[in-house]
Amino acid sequence: MSAPELTLLYDGSCPICCWEQRNLAAKNRNGRLAFIDIQAPGFNAAEYGTTMGALMGRLYGITDDGRVLVGIDTLLATYRLAGWWWLYLPLSALPRRFSGSCYDAFARRRHRISRRIGHWFGPSCDSKSCNQDP
């Protein structure tokens, strides 16, 4: 198996984020994706050239050549590498400004959404990260 093409920096305290990560990991048989929980002990955002505040606000991905992807760009790259064409194609067909705005609106509210419906995706959100939106 070769090195991953994209490493996702995901919030392990967010039920929706963890649900998505588990589904992606289950489909990641080719090893194109790697995952790092930004809530794990010892995680240091500075090693990735950013801050925890920024990581909590939007999804970040690091490509195998060191480029940093943020927000909708990370999501599109992830879905393409995972082979989730049913999500990638419609999102990529939308004007980037529109799909990016929709993603950003969700990202700003993901903690609030997790508090309300996170139990559908896994353990309820009881950590401090879900108590406020970025």
N, C-alpha and C. Protein backbone atom coordinates (compact mmCIF):
# COMPACT_ATOMS: atom_id res chain seq x y z
N MET A 1 0.85 -1.17 0.00
CA MET A 1 0.00 0.00 0.00
C MET A 1 0.89 1.24 0.00
N SER A 2 0.55 2.22 -0.82
CA SER A 2 1.34 3.44 -0.92
C SER A 2 0.92 4.44 0.16
N ALA A 3 1.68 5.52 0.22
CA ALA A 3 1.38 6.57 1.20
C ALA A 3 0.04 7.22 0.84
N PRO A 4 -0.68 7.71 1.85
CA PRO A 4 -1.98 8.35 1.57
C PRO A 4 -1.80 9.62 0.71
N GLU A 5 -2.78 9.87 -0.13
CA GLU A 5 -2.76 11.06 -0.97
C GLU A 5 -3.32 12.28 -0.25
N LEU A 6 -4.13 12.04 0.79
CA LEU A 6 -4.74 13.13 1.54
C LEU A 6 -4.89 12.71 2.99
N THR A 7 -4.47 13.58 3.89
CA THR A 7 -4.65 13.36 5.32
C THR A 7 -5.66 14.37 5.83
N LEU A 8 -6.75 13.86 6.38
CA LEU A 8 -7.82 14.71 6.91
C LEU A 8 -7.58 14.99 8.38
N LEU A 9 -7.72 16.24 8.76
CA LEU A 9 -7.63 16.65 10.15
C LEU A 9 -9.05 16.86 10.63
N TYR A 10 -9.59 15.89 11.35
CA TYR A 10 -11.00 15.92 11.72
C TYR A 10 -11.17 16.07 13.23
N ASP A 11 -12.35 16.53 13.62
CA ASP A 11 -12.68 16.77 15.03
C ASP A 11 -13.28 15.51 15.64
N GLY A 12 -12.49 14.80 16.42
CA GLY A 12 -12.94 13.55 17.04
C GLY A 12 -13.95 13.73 18.15
N SER A 13 -14.28 14.98 18.50
CA SER A 13 -15.30 15.20 19.52
C SER A 13 -16.65 15.53 18.89
N CYS A 14 -16.72 15.54 17.58
CA CYS A 14 -17.94 15.89 16.86
C CYS A 14 -18.59 14.61 16.31
N PRO A 15 -19.79 14.27 16.76
CA PRO A 15 -20.43 13.04 16.29
C PRO A 15 -20.59 12.96 14.78
N ILE A 16 -20.94 14.06 14.14
CA ILE A 16 -21.11 14.04 12.69
C ILE A 16 -19.76 13.83 12.00
N CYS A 17 -18.73 14.50 12.50
CA CYS A 17 -17.39 14.35 11.94
C CYS A 17 -16.89 12.91 12.09
N CYS A 18 -17.11 12.33 13.27
CA CYS A 18 -16.67 10.95 13.52
C CYS A 18 -17.43 9.95 12.66
N TRP A 19 -18.72 10.18 12.45
CA TRP A 19 -19.52 9.31 11.61
C TRP A 19 -18.98 9.34 10.18
N GLU A 20 -18.69 10.53 9.68
CA GLU A 20 -18.14 10.67 8.33
C GLU A 20 -16.77 9.99 8.25
N GLN A 21 -15.93 10.21 9.26
CA GLN A 21 -14.60 9.60 9.27
C GLN A 21 -14.70 8.08 9.27
N ARG A 22 -15.60 7.51 10.08
CA ARG A 22 -15.76 6.05 10.12
C ARG A 22 -16.20 5.50 8.77
N ASN A 23 -17.14 6.18 8.12
CA ASN A 23 -17.61 5.74 6.81
C ASN A 23 -16.50 5.84 5.76
N LEU A 24 -15.76 6.92 5.79
CA LEU A 24 -14.65 7.07 4.85
C LEU A 24 -13.58 6.02 5.10
N ALA A 25 -13.24 5.79 6.36
CA ALA A 25 -12.22 4.80 6.70
C ALA A 25 -12.64 3.40 6.25
N ALA A 26 -13.91 3.08 6.37
CA ALA A 26 -14.40 1.76 5.96
C ALA A 26 -14.29 1.57 4.45
N LYS A 27 -14.39 2.63 3.70
CA LYS A 27 -14.29 2.57 2.23
C LYS A 27 -12.87 2.81 1.73
N ASN A 28 -11.94 3.04 2.62
CA ASN A 28 -10.57 3.43 2.28
C ASN A 28 -9.65 2.22 2.09
N ARG A 29 -10.12 1.24 1.38
CA ARG A 29 -9.34 0.00 1.21
C ARG A 29 -8.04 0.23 0.44
N ASN A 30 -8.01 1.25 -0.40
CA ASN A 30 -6.81 1.53 -1.19
C ASN A 30 -5.80 2.42 -0.47
N GLY A 31 -6.13 2.88 0.73
CA GLY A 31 -5.20 3.66 1.54
C GLY A 31 -4.92 5.06 1.03
N ARG A 32 -5.81 5.61 0.23
CA ARG A 32 -5.60 6.94 -0.33
C ARG A 32 -5.84 8.06 0.69
N LEU A 33 -6.54 7.72 1.77
CA LEU A 33 -6.85 8.71 2.81
C LEU A 33 -6.23 8.30 4.14
N ALA A 34 -5.84 9.30 4.91
CA ALA A 34 -5.39 9.08 6.29
C ALA A 34 -6.17 10.07 7.15
N PHE A 35 -6.24 9.79 8.45
CA PHE A 35 -7.07 10.59 9.34
C PHE A 35 -6.30 10.92 10.61
N ILE A 36 -6.39 12.18 11.02
CA ILE A 36 -5.80 12.61 12.28
C ILE A 36 -6.87 13.33 13.08
N ASP A 37 -7.08 12.86 14.29
CA ASP A 37 -8.06 13.46 15.20
C ASP A 37 -7.41 14.65 15.88
N ILE A 38 -7.94 15.84 15.63
CA ILE A 38 -7.35 17.05 16.20
C ILE A 38 -7.62 17.16 17.70
N GLN A 39 -8.48 16.30 18.24
CA GLN A 39 -8.76 16.30 19.68
C GLN A 39 -7.89 15.29 20.43
N ALA A 40 -7.07 14.54 19.70
CA ALA A 40 -6.23 13.52 20.34
C ALA A 40 -5.18 14.19 21.23
N PRO A 41 -4.85 13.56 22.35
CA PRO A 41 -3.81 14.12 23.23
C PRO A 41 -2.51 14.28 22.45
N GLY A 42 -1.87 15.41 22.63
CA GLY A 42 -0.59 15.67 21.98
C GLY A 42 -0.70 16.28 20.59
N PHE A 43 -1.90 16.40 20.06
CA PHE A 43 -2.03 17.01 18.74
C PHE A 43 -1.60 18.47 18.83
N ASN A 44 -0.83 18.92 17.84
CA ASN A 44 -0.33 20.29 17.81
C ASN A 44 -0.66 20.90 16.45
N ALA A 45 -1.61 21.81 16.43
CA ALA A 45 -2.05 22.45 15.18
C ALA A 45 -0.90 23.18 14.48
N ALA A 46 0.03 23.71 15.24
CA ALA A 46 1.14 24.46 14.66
C ALA A 46 1.99 23.59 13.74
N GLU A 47 2.03 22.28 13.99
CA GLU A 47 2.77 21.38 13.11
C GLU A 47 2.19 21.37 11.69
N TYR A 48 0.96 21.81 11.56
CA TYR A 48 0.30 21.85 10.27
C TYR A 48 0.13 23.29 9.76
N GLY A 49 0.81 24.22 10.43
CA GLY A 49 0.80 25.60 10.00
C GLY A 49 -0.51 26.33 10.24
N THR A 50 -1.25 25.90 11.28
CA THR A 50 -2.53 26.54 11.55
C THR A 50 -2.78 26.56 13.06
N THR A 51 -3.99 26.92 13.43
CA THR A 51 -4.37 26.99 14.84
C THR A 51 -5.55 26.05 15.10
N MET A 52 -5.78 25.74 16.37
CA MET A 52 -6.95 24.93 16.72
C MET A 52 -8.24 25.66 16.35
N GLY A 53 -8.26 26.96 16.54
CA GLY A 53 -9.45 27.73 16.17
C GLY A 53 -9.79 27.58 14.70
N ALA A 54 -8.79 27.64 13.85
CA ALA A 54 -9.01 27.47 12.41
C ALA A 54 -9.48 26.05 12.10
N LEU A 55 -8.84 25.06 12.73
CA LEU A 55 -9.22 23.66 12.50
C LEU A 55 -10.63 23.35 12.98
N MET A 56 -11.04 24.02 14.04
CA MET A 56 -12.40 23.81 14.54
C MET A 56 -13.44 24.49 13.66
N GLY A 57 -13.02 25.43 12.85
CA GLY A 57 -13.94 26.17 12.01
C GLY A 57 -14.20 25.56 10.65
N ARG A 58 -13.22 24.83 10.12
CA ARG A 58 -13.35 24.26 8.77
C ARG A 58 -12.50 23.00 8.68
N LEU A 59 -12.88 22.12 7.78
CA LEU A 59 -12.14 20.88 7.55
C LEU A 59 -10.85 21.18 6.80
N TYR A 60 -9.76 20.62 7.30
CA TYR A 60 -8.46 20.78 6.66
C TYR A 60 -7.96 19.44 6.16
N GLY A 61 -7.24 19.48 5.05
CA GLY A 61 -6.60 18.29 4.52
C GLY A 61 -5.20 18.64 4.03
N ILE A 62 -4.28 17.70 4.19
CA ILE A 62 -2.91 17.88 3.74
C ILE A 62 -2.66 16.87 2.64
N THR A 63 -2.29 17.35 1.44
CA THR A 63 -2.02 16.44 0.33
C THR A 63 -0.65 15.79 0.50
N ASP A 64 -0.41 14.75 -0.27
CA ASP A 64 0.87 14.04 -0.17
C ASP A 64 2.04 14.90 -0.60
N ASP A 65 1.79 15.99 -1.36
CA ASP A 65 2.88 16.89 -1.73
C ASP A 65 2.96 18.12 -0.82
N GLY A 66 2.19 18.10 0.31
CA GLY A 66 2.28 19.14 1.33
C GLY A 66 1.33 20.32 1.18
N ARG A 67 0.50 20.31 0.13
CA ARG A 67 -0.47 21.41 0.00
C ARG A 67 -1.54 21.29 1.07
N VAL A 68 -2.02 22.43 1.54
CA VAL A 68 -3.08 22.47 2.54
C VAL A 68 -4.39 22.82 1.82
N LEU A 69 -5.38 21.96 1.98
CA LEU A 69 -6.71 22.21 1.44
C LEU A 69 -7.62 22.58 2.60
N VAL A 70 -8.57 23.47 2.34
CA VAL A 70 -9.46 23.95 3.39
C VAL A 70 -10.89 23.96 2.88
N GLY A 71 -11.83 23.57 3.76
CA GLY A 71 -13.25 23.68 3.46
C GLY A 71 -13.70 22.80 2.31
N ILE A 72 -14.42 23.40 1.37
CA ILE A 72 -15.01 22.63 0.27
C ILE A 72 -13.94 21.95 -0.57
N ASP A 73 -12.76 22.55 -0.70
CA ASP A 73 -11.69 21.91 -1.46
C ASP A 73 -11.27 20.59 -0.81
N THR A 74 -11.23 20.56 0.51
CA THR A 74 -10.91 19.32 1.22
C THR A 74 -12.01 18.30 1.02
N LEU A 75 -13.24 18.72 1.13
CA LEU A 75 -14.37 17.82 0.97
C LEU A 75 -14.40 17.21 -0.43
N LEU A 76 -14.19 18.03 -1.46
CA LEU A 76 -14.19 17.52 -2.83
C LEU A 76 -13.05 16.52 -3.05
N ALA A 77 -11.86 16.85 -2.57
CA ALA A 77 -10.72 15.93 -2.73
C ALA A 77 -10.99 14.62 -1.99
N THR A 78 -11.58 14.71 -0.81
CA THR A 78 -11.89 13.53 -0.02
C THR A 78 -12.88 12.62 -0.74
N TYR A 79 -13.96 13.19 -1.22
CA TYR A 79 -14.99 12.38 -1.89
C TYR A 79 -14.45 11.78 -3.18
N ARG A 80 -13.60 12.52 -3.89
CA ARG A 80 -13.01 11.97 -5.12
C ARG A 80 -12.11 10.78 -4.79
N LEU A 81 -11.24 10.93 -3.80
CA LEU A 81 -10.32 9.85 -3.44
C LEU A 81 -11.04 8.64 -2.85
N ALA A 82 -12.15 8.90 -2.15
CA ALA A 82 -12.92 7.80 -1.56
C ALA A 82 -13.77 7.07 -2.60
N GLY A 83 -13.88 7.66 -3.79
CA GLY A 83 -14.72 7.06 -4.81
C GLY A 83 -16.20 7.33 -4.59
N TRP A 84 -16.51 8.35 -3.82
CA TRP A 84 -17.90 8.72 -3.56
C TRP A 84 -18.38 9.66 -4.66
N TRP A 85 -18.48 9.13 -5.87
CA TRP A 85 -18.87 9.93 -7.04
C TRP A 85 -20.25 10.55 -6.87
N TRP A 86 -21.12 9.86 -6.18
CA TRP A 86 -22.49 10.35 -5.99
C TRP A 86 -22.51 11.64 -5.18
N LEU A 87 -21.47 11.91 -4.40
CA LEU A 87 -21.35 13.19 -3.68
C LEU A 87 -20.41 14.15 -4.42
N TYR A 88 -19.34 13.60 -4.96
CA TYR A 88 -18.34 14.44 -5.63
C TYR A 88 -18.91 15.13 -6.86
N LEU A 89 -19.57 14.39 -7.72
CA LEU A 89 -20.04 14.98 -8.98
C LEU A 89 -21.01 16.14 -8.79
N PRO A 90 -22.06 15.98 -7.97
CA PRO A 90 -22.95 17.15 -7.82
C PRO A 90 -22.27 18.35 -7.17
N LEU A 91 -21.43 18.09 -6.16
CA LEU A 91 -20.74 19.20 -5.50
C LEU A 91 -19.75 19.89 -6.44
N SER A 92 -19.06 19.11 -7.25
CA SER A 92 -18.07 19.70 -8.15
C SER A 92 -18.73 20.42 -9.31
N ALA A 93 -19.98 20.07 -9.63
CA ALA A 93 -20.69 20.72 -10.74
C ALA A 93 -21.24 22.08 -10.34
N LEU A 94 -21.42 22.30 -9.05
CA LEU A 94 -21.93 23.58 -8.58
C LEU A 94 -20.83 24.64 -8.68
N PRO A 95 -21.21 25.89 -8.87
CA PRO A 95 -20.18 26.94 -8.82
C PRO A 95 -19.46 26.88 -7.47
N ARG A 96 -18.14 26.96 -7.50
CA ARG A 96 -17.33 26.81 -6.28
C ARG A 96 -17.74 27.82 -5.22
N ARG A 97 -18.08 29.00 -5.64
CA ARG A 97 -18.49 30.01 -4.66
C ARG A 97 -19.75 29.57 -3.91
N PHE A 98 -20.70 28.98 -4.61
CA PHE A 98 -21.94 28.52 -3.99
C PHE A 98 -21.68 27.32 -3.08
N SER A 99 -20.99 26.29 -3.60
CA SER A 99 -20.74 25.09 -2.78
C SER A 99 -19.87 25.44 -1.58
N GLY A 100 -18.91 26.35 -1.77
CA GLY A 100 -18.08 26.78 -0.65
C GLY A 100 -18.88 27.51 0.41
N SER A 101 -19.80 28.36 -0.02
CA SER A 101 -20.65 29.09 0.92
C SER A 101 -21.55 28.13 1.70
N CYS A 102 -22.10 27.13 1.00
CA CYS A 102 -22.95 26.14 1.68
C CYS A 102 -22.14 25.36 2.70
N TYR A 103 -20.93 24.92 2.32
CA TYR A 103 -20.08 24.20 3.26
C TYR A 103 -19.75 25.07 4.46
N ASP A 104 -19.36 26.31 4.21
CA ASP A 104 -18.98 27.21 5.31
C ASP A 104 -20.15 27.44 6.27
N ALA A 105 -21.36 27.55 5.72
CA ALA A 105 -22.55 27.73 6.57
C ALA A 105 -22.75 26.51 7.46
N PHE A 106 -22.58 25.30 6.89
CA PHE A 106 -22.69 24.09 7.70
C PHE A 106 -21.58 24.05 8.76
N ALA A 107 -20.34 24.33 8.35
CA ALA A 107 -19.20 24.25 9.27
C ALA A 107 -19.38 25.19 10.46
N ARG A 108 -19.92 26.38 10.21
CA ARG A 108 -20.14 27.32 11.31
C ARG A 108 -21.18 26.82 12.29
N ARG A 109 -22.06 25.94 11.85
CA ARG A 109 -23.17 25.47 12.69
C ARG A 109 -23.05 24.01 13.10
N ARG A 110 -21.95 23.36 12.77
CA ARG A 110 -21.87 21.91 13.00
C ARG A 110 -21.99 21.53 14.47
N HIS A 111 -21.52 22.38 15.36
CA HIS A 111 -21.64 22.07 16.79
C HIS A 111 -23.11 22.13 17.22
N ARG A 112 -23.80 23.15 16.76
CA ARG A 112 -25.22 23.27 17.07
C ARG A 112 -26.00 22.10 16.48
N ILE A 113 -25.65 21.72 15.25
CA ILE A 113 -26.30 20.58 14.60
C ILE A 113 -26.00 19.30 15.38
N SER A 114 -24.75 19.14 15.80
CA SER A 114 -24.37 17.95 16.57
C SER A 114 -25.13 17.85 17.88
N ARG A 115 -25.34 19.00 18.53
CA ARG A 115 -26.10 18.97 19.78
C ARG A 115 -27.52 18.48 19.54
N ARG A 116 -28.08 18.84 18.40
CA ARG A 116 -29.49 18.50 18.13
C ARG A 116 -29.67 17.11 17.54
N ILE A 117 -28.82 16.73 16.59
CA ILE A 117 -29.04 15.45 15.91
C ILE A 117 -27.83 14.52 15.96
N GLY A 118 -26.79 14.92 16.70
CA GLY A 118 -25.57 14.12 16.75
C GLY A 118 -25.79 12.70 17.24
N HIS A 119 -26.80 12.49 18.07
CA HIS A 119 -27.08 11.15 18.59
C HIS A 119 -27.45 10.18 17.46
N TRP A 120 -27.87 10.69 16.31
CA TRP A 120 -28.16 9.82 15.17
C TRP A 120 -26.88 9.23 14.59
N PHE A 121 -25.75 9.91 14.83
CA PHE A 121 -24.49 9.53 14.21
C PHE A 121 -23.55 8.80 15.16
N GLY A 122 -23.85 8.79 16.43
CA GLY A 122 -22.97 8.14 17.39
C GLY A 122 -23.21 8.71 18.77
N PRO A 123 -22.23 8.58 19.64
CA PRO A 123 -22.38 9.10 21.00
C PRO A 123 -22.74 10.58 20.97
N SER A 124 -23.57 10.99 21.91
CA SER A 124 -23.98 12.39 21.93
C SER A 124 -22.78 13.28 22.23
N CYS A 125 -22.89 14.48 21.78
CA CYS A 125 -21.80 15.44 21.93
C CYS A 125 -21.86 16.04 23.33
N ASP A 126 -20.95 15.60 24.18
CA ASP A 126 -20.96 16.13 25.54
C ASP A 126 -19.66 16.86 25.89
N SER A 127 -18.82 17.06 24.89
CA SER A 127 -17.57 17.74 25.17
C SER A 127 -17.71 19.24 25.04
N LYS A 128 -16.74 19.97 25.54
CA LYS A 128 -16.81 21.43 25.49
C LYS A 128 -16.77 21.95 24.06
N SER A 129 -16.22 21.18 23.11
CA SER A 129 -16.15 21.68 21.74
C SER A 129 -17.52 21.82 21.10
N CYS A 130 -18.51 21.11 21.60
CA CYS A 130 -19.84 21.21 21.02
C CYS A 130 -20.70 22.23 21.74
N ASN A 131 -20.15 22.90 22.72
CA ASN A 131 -20.94 23.86 23.46
C ASN A 131 -21.03 25.22 22.79
N GLN A 132 -20.21 25.44 21.78
CA GLN A 132 -20.31 26.71 21.07
C GLN A 132 -19.79 26.52 19.66
N ASP A 133 -20.30 27.34 18.76
CA ASP A 133 -19.83 27.31 17.38
C ASP A 133 -18.62 28.22 17.26
N PRO A 134 -17.75 27.90 16.30
CA PRO A 134 -16.55 28.73 16.13
C PRO A 134 -16.89 30.12 15.64
